[in-house]
Amino acid sequence: MSAALSTTSNFPDPDAAYRLIVEAHRGISDEQSAALDAALVLILANHIGDLAVLRDAVTLAKRRVVDEQQAAS
């Protein structure tokens, strides 16, 4: 049975989680930053281990990116 994708924060301090990710990118090139993001996605996807949840997350993330691009146009 698949778990549902959780879209509410599960962190006791969401700002600290955000800062941790932002700080991980500080001082590295754009190419290294993209590689870090890709590695992080793959590591966390493996941790989730649920293809249905991953599919929902990919769909949601892609929709947000497309919506943001359209809003900026």
N, C-alpha and C. Protein backbone atom coordinates (compact mmCIF):
# COMPACT_ATOMS: atom_id res chain seq x y z
N MET A 1 0.83 -1.19 0.00
CA MET A 1 0.00 0.00 0.00
C MET A 1 0.87 1.25 0.00
N SER A 2 0.55 2.19 -0.83
CA SER A 2 1.30 3.43 -0.94
C SER A 2 0.82 4.46 0.07
N ALA A 3 1.78 5.22 0.56
CA ALA A 3 1.44 6.34 1.42
C ALA A 3 1.10 7.54 0.54
N ALA A 4 0.33 8.44 1.07
CA ALA A 4 -0.01 9.66 0.34
C ALA A 4 1.14 10.66 0.47
N LEU A 5 1.32 11.46 -0.55
CA LEU A 5 2.33 12.50 -0.53
C LEU A 5 1.94 13.55 0.51
N SER A 6 2.84 13.81 1.44
CA SER A 6 2.62 14.84 2.44
C SER A 6 3.13 16.17 1.91
N THR A 7 2.26 17.17 1.85
CA THR A 7 2.67 18.48 1.34
C THR A 7 2.69 19.54 2.45
N THR A 8 2.45 19.12 3.67
CA THR A 8 2.60 20.04 4.80
C THR A 8 3.96 19.77 5.44
N SER A 9 4.50 20.78 6.10
CA SER A 9 5.83 20.64 6.68
C SER A 9 5.83 19.58 7.79
N ASN A 10 6.82 18.71 7.73
CA ASN A 10 7.02 17.71 8.78
C ASN A 10 8.19 18.08 9.68
N PHE A 11 8.74 19.28 9.48
CA PHE A 11 9.88 19.73 10.26
C PHE A 11 9.40 20.58 11.44
N PRO A 12 9.97 20.37 12.62
CA PRO A 12 9.62 21.23 13.74
C PRO A 12 10.07 22.67 13.50
N ASP A 13 11.13 22.83 12.68
CA ASP A 13 11.62 24.16 12.33
C ASP A 13 11.86 24.21 10.82
N PRO A 14 10.81 24.48 10.03
CA PRO A 14 10.95 24.48 8.58
C PRO A 14 11.98 25.49 8.08
N ASP A 15 12.12 26.61 8.77
CA ASP A 15 13.10 27.61 8.35
C ASP A 15 14.52 27.07 8.47
N ALA A 16 14.78 26.29 9.49
CA ALA A 16 16.11 25.69 9.67
C ALA A 16 16.39 24.69 8.55
N ALA A 17 15.38 23.93 8.15
CA ALA A 17 15.54 22.98 7.05
C ALA A 17 15.86 23.73 5.76
N TYR A 18 15.15 24.82 5.51
CA TYR A 18 15.39 25.64 4.32
C TYR A 18 16.81 26.21 4.35
N ARG A 19 17.21 26.75 5.49
CA ARG A 19 18.55 27.33 5.61
C ARG A 19 19.63 26.27 5.37
N LEU A 20 19.41 25.06 5.86
CA LEU A 20 20.37 23.98 5.67
C LEU A 20 20.60 23.71 4.18
N ILE A 21 19.52 23.68 3.41
CA ILE A 21 19.62 23.44 1.97
C ILE A 21 20.29 24.62 1.28
N VAL A 22 19.91 25.83 1.63
CA VAL A 22 20.51 27.02 1.03
C VAL A 22 22.01 27.07 1.34
N GLU A 23 22.37 26.82 2.57
CA GLU A 23 23.78 26.86 2.98
C GLU A 23 24.60 25.79 2.27
N ALA A 24 24.00 24.66 1.95
CA ALA A 24 24.72 23.60 1.25
C ALA A 24 25.17 24.07 -0.14
N HIS A 25 24.48 25.05 -0.70
CA HIS A 25 24.80 25.57 -2.04
C HIS A 25 25.78 26.74 -2.00
N ARG A 26 26.01 27.27 -0.83
CA ARG A 26 26.88 28.45 -0.72
C ARG A 26 28.33 28.08 -1.07
N GLY A 27 28.93 28.89 -1.95
CA GLY A 27 30.34 28.71 -2.26
C GLY A 27 30.63 27.66 -3.33
N ILE A 28 29.59 27.12 -3.96
CA ILE A 28 29.83 26.15 -5.02
C ILE A 28 29.31 26.71 -6.35
N SER A 29 29.82 26.17 -7.43
CA SER A 29 29.43 26.67 -8.75
C SER A 29 28.00 26.26 -9.09
N ASP A 30 27.45 26.88 -10.13
CA ASP A 30 26.10 26.51 -10.58
C ASP A 30 26.05 25.04 -10.98
N GLU A 31 27.11 24.55 -11.62
CA GLU A 31 27.16 23.15 -12.02
C GLU A 31 27.19 22.23 -10.79
N GLN A 32 27.98 22.58 -9.80
CA GLN A 32 28.03 21.79 -8.57
C GLN A 32 26.69 21.87 -7.83
N SER A 33 26.06 23.03 -7.87
CA SER A 33 24.76 23.20 -7.23
C SER A 33 23.71 22.30 -7.87
N ALA A 34 23.71 22.24 -9.20
CA ALA A 34 22.77 21.36 -9.90
C ALA A 34 23.06 19.89 -9.58
N ALA A 35 24.34 19.54 -9.50
CA ALA A 35 24.71 18.16 -9.15
C ALA A 35 24.31 17.83 -7.72
N LEU A 36 24.47 18.79 -6.81
CA LEU A 36 24.04 18.60 -5.42
C LEU A 36 22.53 18.37 -5.36
N ASP A 37 21.77 19.19 -6.08
CA ASP A 37 20.31 19.02 -6.10
C ASP A 37 19.92 17.64 -6.63
N ALA A 38 20.55 17.22 -7.72
CA ALA A 38 20.24 15.92 -8.31
C ALA A 38 20.58 14.79 -7.33
N ALA A 39 21.74 14.88 -6.69
CA ALA A 39 22.13 13.84 -5.74
C ALA A 39 21.17 13.81 -4.56
N LEU A 40 20.80 14.98 -4.07
CA LEU A 40 19.87 15.06 -2.94
C LEU A 40 18.52 14.46 -3.30
N VAL A 41 18.02 14.76 -4.50
CA VAL A 41 16.74 14.20 -4.95
C VAL A 41 16.82 12.68 -5.00
N LEU A 42 17.88 12.15 -5.57
CA LEU A 42 18.00 10.69 -5.68
C LEU A 42 18.13 10.01 -4.32
N ILE A 43 18.90 10.62 -3.43
CA ILE A 43 19.06 10.06 -2.08
C ILE A 43 17.73 10.05 -1.33
N LEU A 44 17.01 11.17 -1.39
CA LEU A 44 15.72 11.26 -0.69
C LEU A 44 14.66 10.40 -1.36
N ALA A 45 14.68 10.29 -2.69
CA ALA A 45 13.73 9.41 -3.39
C ALA A 45 13.95 7.96 -2.96
N ASN A 46 15.21 7.57 -2.85
CA ASN A 46 15.50 6.22 -2.38
C ASN A 46 15.02 6.02 -0.95
N HIS A 47 15.20 7.04 -0.12
CA HIS A 47 14.75 6.95 1.27
C HIS A 47 13.24 6.76 1.35
N ILE A 48 12.51 7.49 0.50
CA ILE A 48 11.05 7.36 0.47
C ILE A 48 10.67 5.95 0.04
N GLY A 49 11.28 5.50 -1.05
CA GLY A 49 11.09 4.12 -1.49
C GLY A 49 9.69 3.77 -1.96
N ASP A 50 8.91 4.74 -2.32
CA ASP A 50 7.53 4.50 -2.74
C ASP A 50 7.32 5.18 -4.09
N LEU A 51 7.19 4.39 -5.15
CA LEU A 51 7.10 4.93 -6.49
C LEU A 51 5.88 5.83 -6.68
N ALA A 52 4.77 5.48 -6.07
CA ALA A 52 3.56 6.30 -6.20
C ALA A 52 3.76 7.67 -5.55
N VAL A 53 4.38 7.71 -4.40
CA VAL A 53 4.65 8.99 -3.73
C VAL A 53 5.65 9.79 -4.55
N LEU A 54 6.68 9.13 -5.06
CA LEU A 54 7.65 9.81 -5.89
C LEU A 54 6.99 10.38 -7.14
N ARG A 55 6.12 9.60 -7.76
CA ARG A 55 5.41 10.07 -8.96
C ARG A 55 4.60 11.32 -8.64
N ASP A 56 3.88 11.30 -7.51
CA ASP A 56 3.08 12.47 -7.10
C ASP A 56 3.98 13.68 -6.85
N ALA A 57 5.13 13.46 -6.23
CA ALA A 57 6.05 14.56 -5.93
C ALA A 57 6.61 15.16 -7.21
N VAL A 58 6.99 14.31 -8.16
CA VAL A 58 7.52 14.79 -9.44
C VAL A 58 6.46 15.61 -10.17
N THR A 59 5.23 15.11 -10.18
CA THR A 59 4.14 15.83 -10.84
C THR A 59 3.90 17.19 -10.21
N LEU A 60 3.88 17.24 -8.88
CA LEU A 60 3.66 18.49 -8.17
C LEU A 60 4.80 19.48 -8.41
N ALA A 61 6.03 19.00 -8.32
CA ALA A 61 7.18 19.87 -8.52
C ALA A 61 7.21 20.43 -9.94
N LYS A 62 6.95 19.56 -10.92
CA LYS A 62 6.95 20.01 -12.31
C LYS A 62 5.86 21.04 -12.55
N ARG A 63 4.68 20.80 -11.98
CA ARG A 63 3.57 21.75 -12.13
C ARG A 63 3.95 23.10 -11.54
N ARG A 64 4.59 23.10 -10.39
CA ARG A 64 4.99 24.36 -9.76
C ARG A 64 6.00 25.11 -10.61
N VAL A 65 6.96 24.40 -11.18
CA VAL A 65 7.96 25.04 -12.02
C VAL A 65 7.31 25.63 -13.27
N VAL A 66 6.43 24.88 -13.90
CA VAL A 66 5.75 25.36 -15.12
C VAL A 66 4.87 26.55 -14.78
N ASP A 67 4.12 26.48 -13.68
CA ASP A 67 3.26 27.59 -13.27
C ASP A 67 4.07 28.85 -12.99
N GLU A 68 5.22 28.71 -12.33
CA GLU A 68 6.08 29.87 -12.03
C GLU A 68 6.61 30.49 -13.31
N GLN A 69 7.00 29.65 -14.27
CA GLN A 69 7.51 30.17 -15.54
C GLN A 69 6.41 30.92 -16.28
N GLN A 70 5.20 30.38 -16.28
CA GLN A 70 4.10 31.02 -16.97
C GLN A 70 3.72 32.33 -16.30
N ALA A 71 3.78 32.36 -14.98
CA ALA A 71 3.44 33.58 -14.25
C ALA A 71 4.47 34.68 -14.51
N ALA A 72 5.72 34.28 -14.72
CA ALA A 72 6.78 35.25 -14.97
C ALA A 72 6.76 35.79 -16.40
N SER A 73 6.06 35.09 -17.29
CA SER A 73 6.03 35.51 -18.70
C SER A 73 5.07 36.65 -18.94
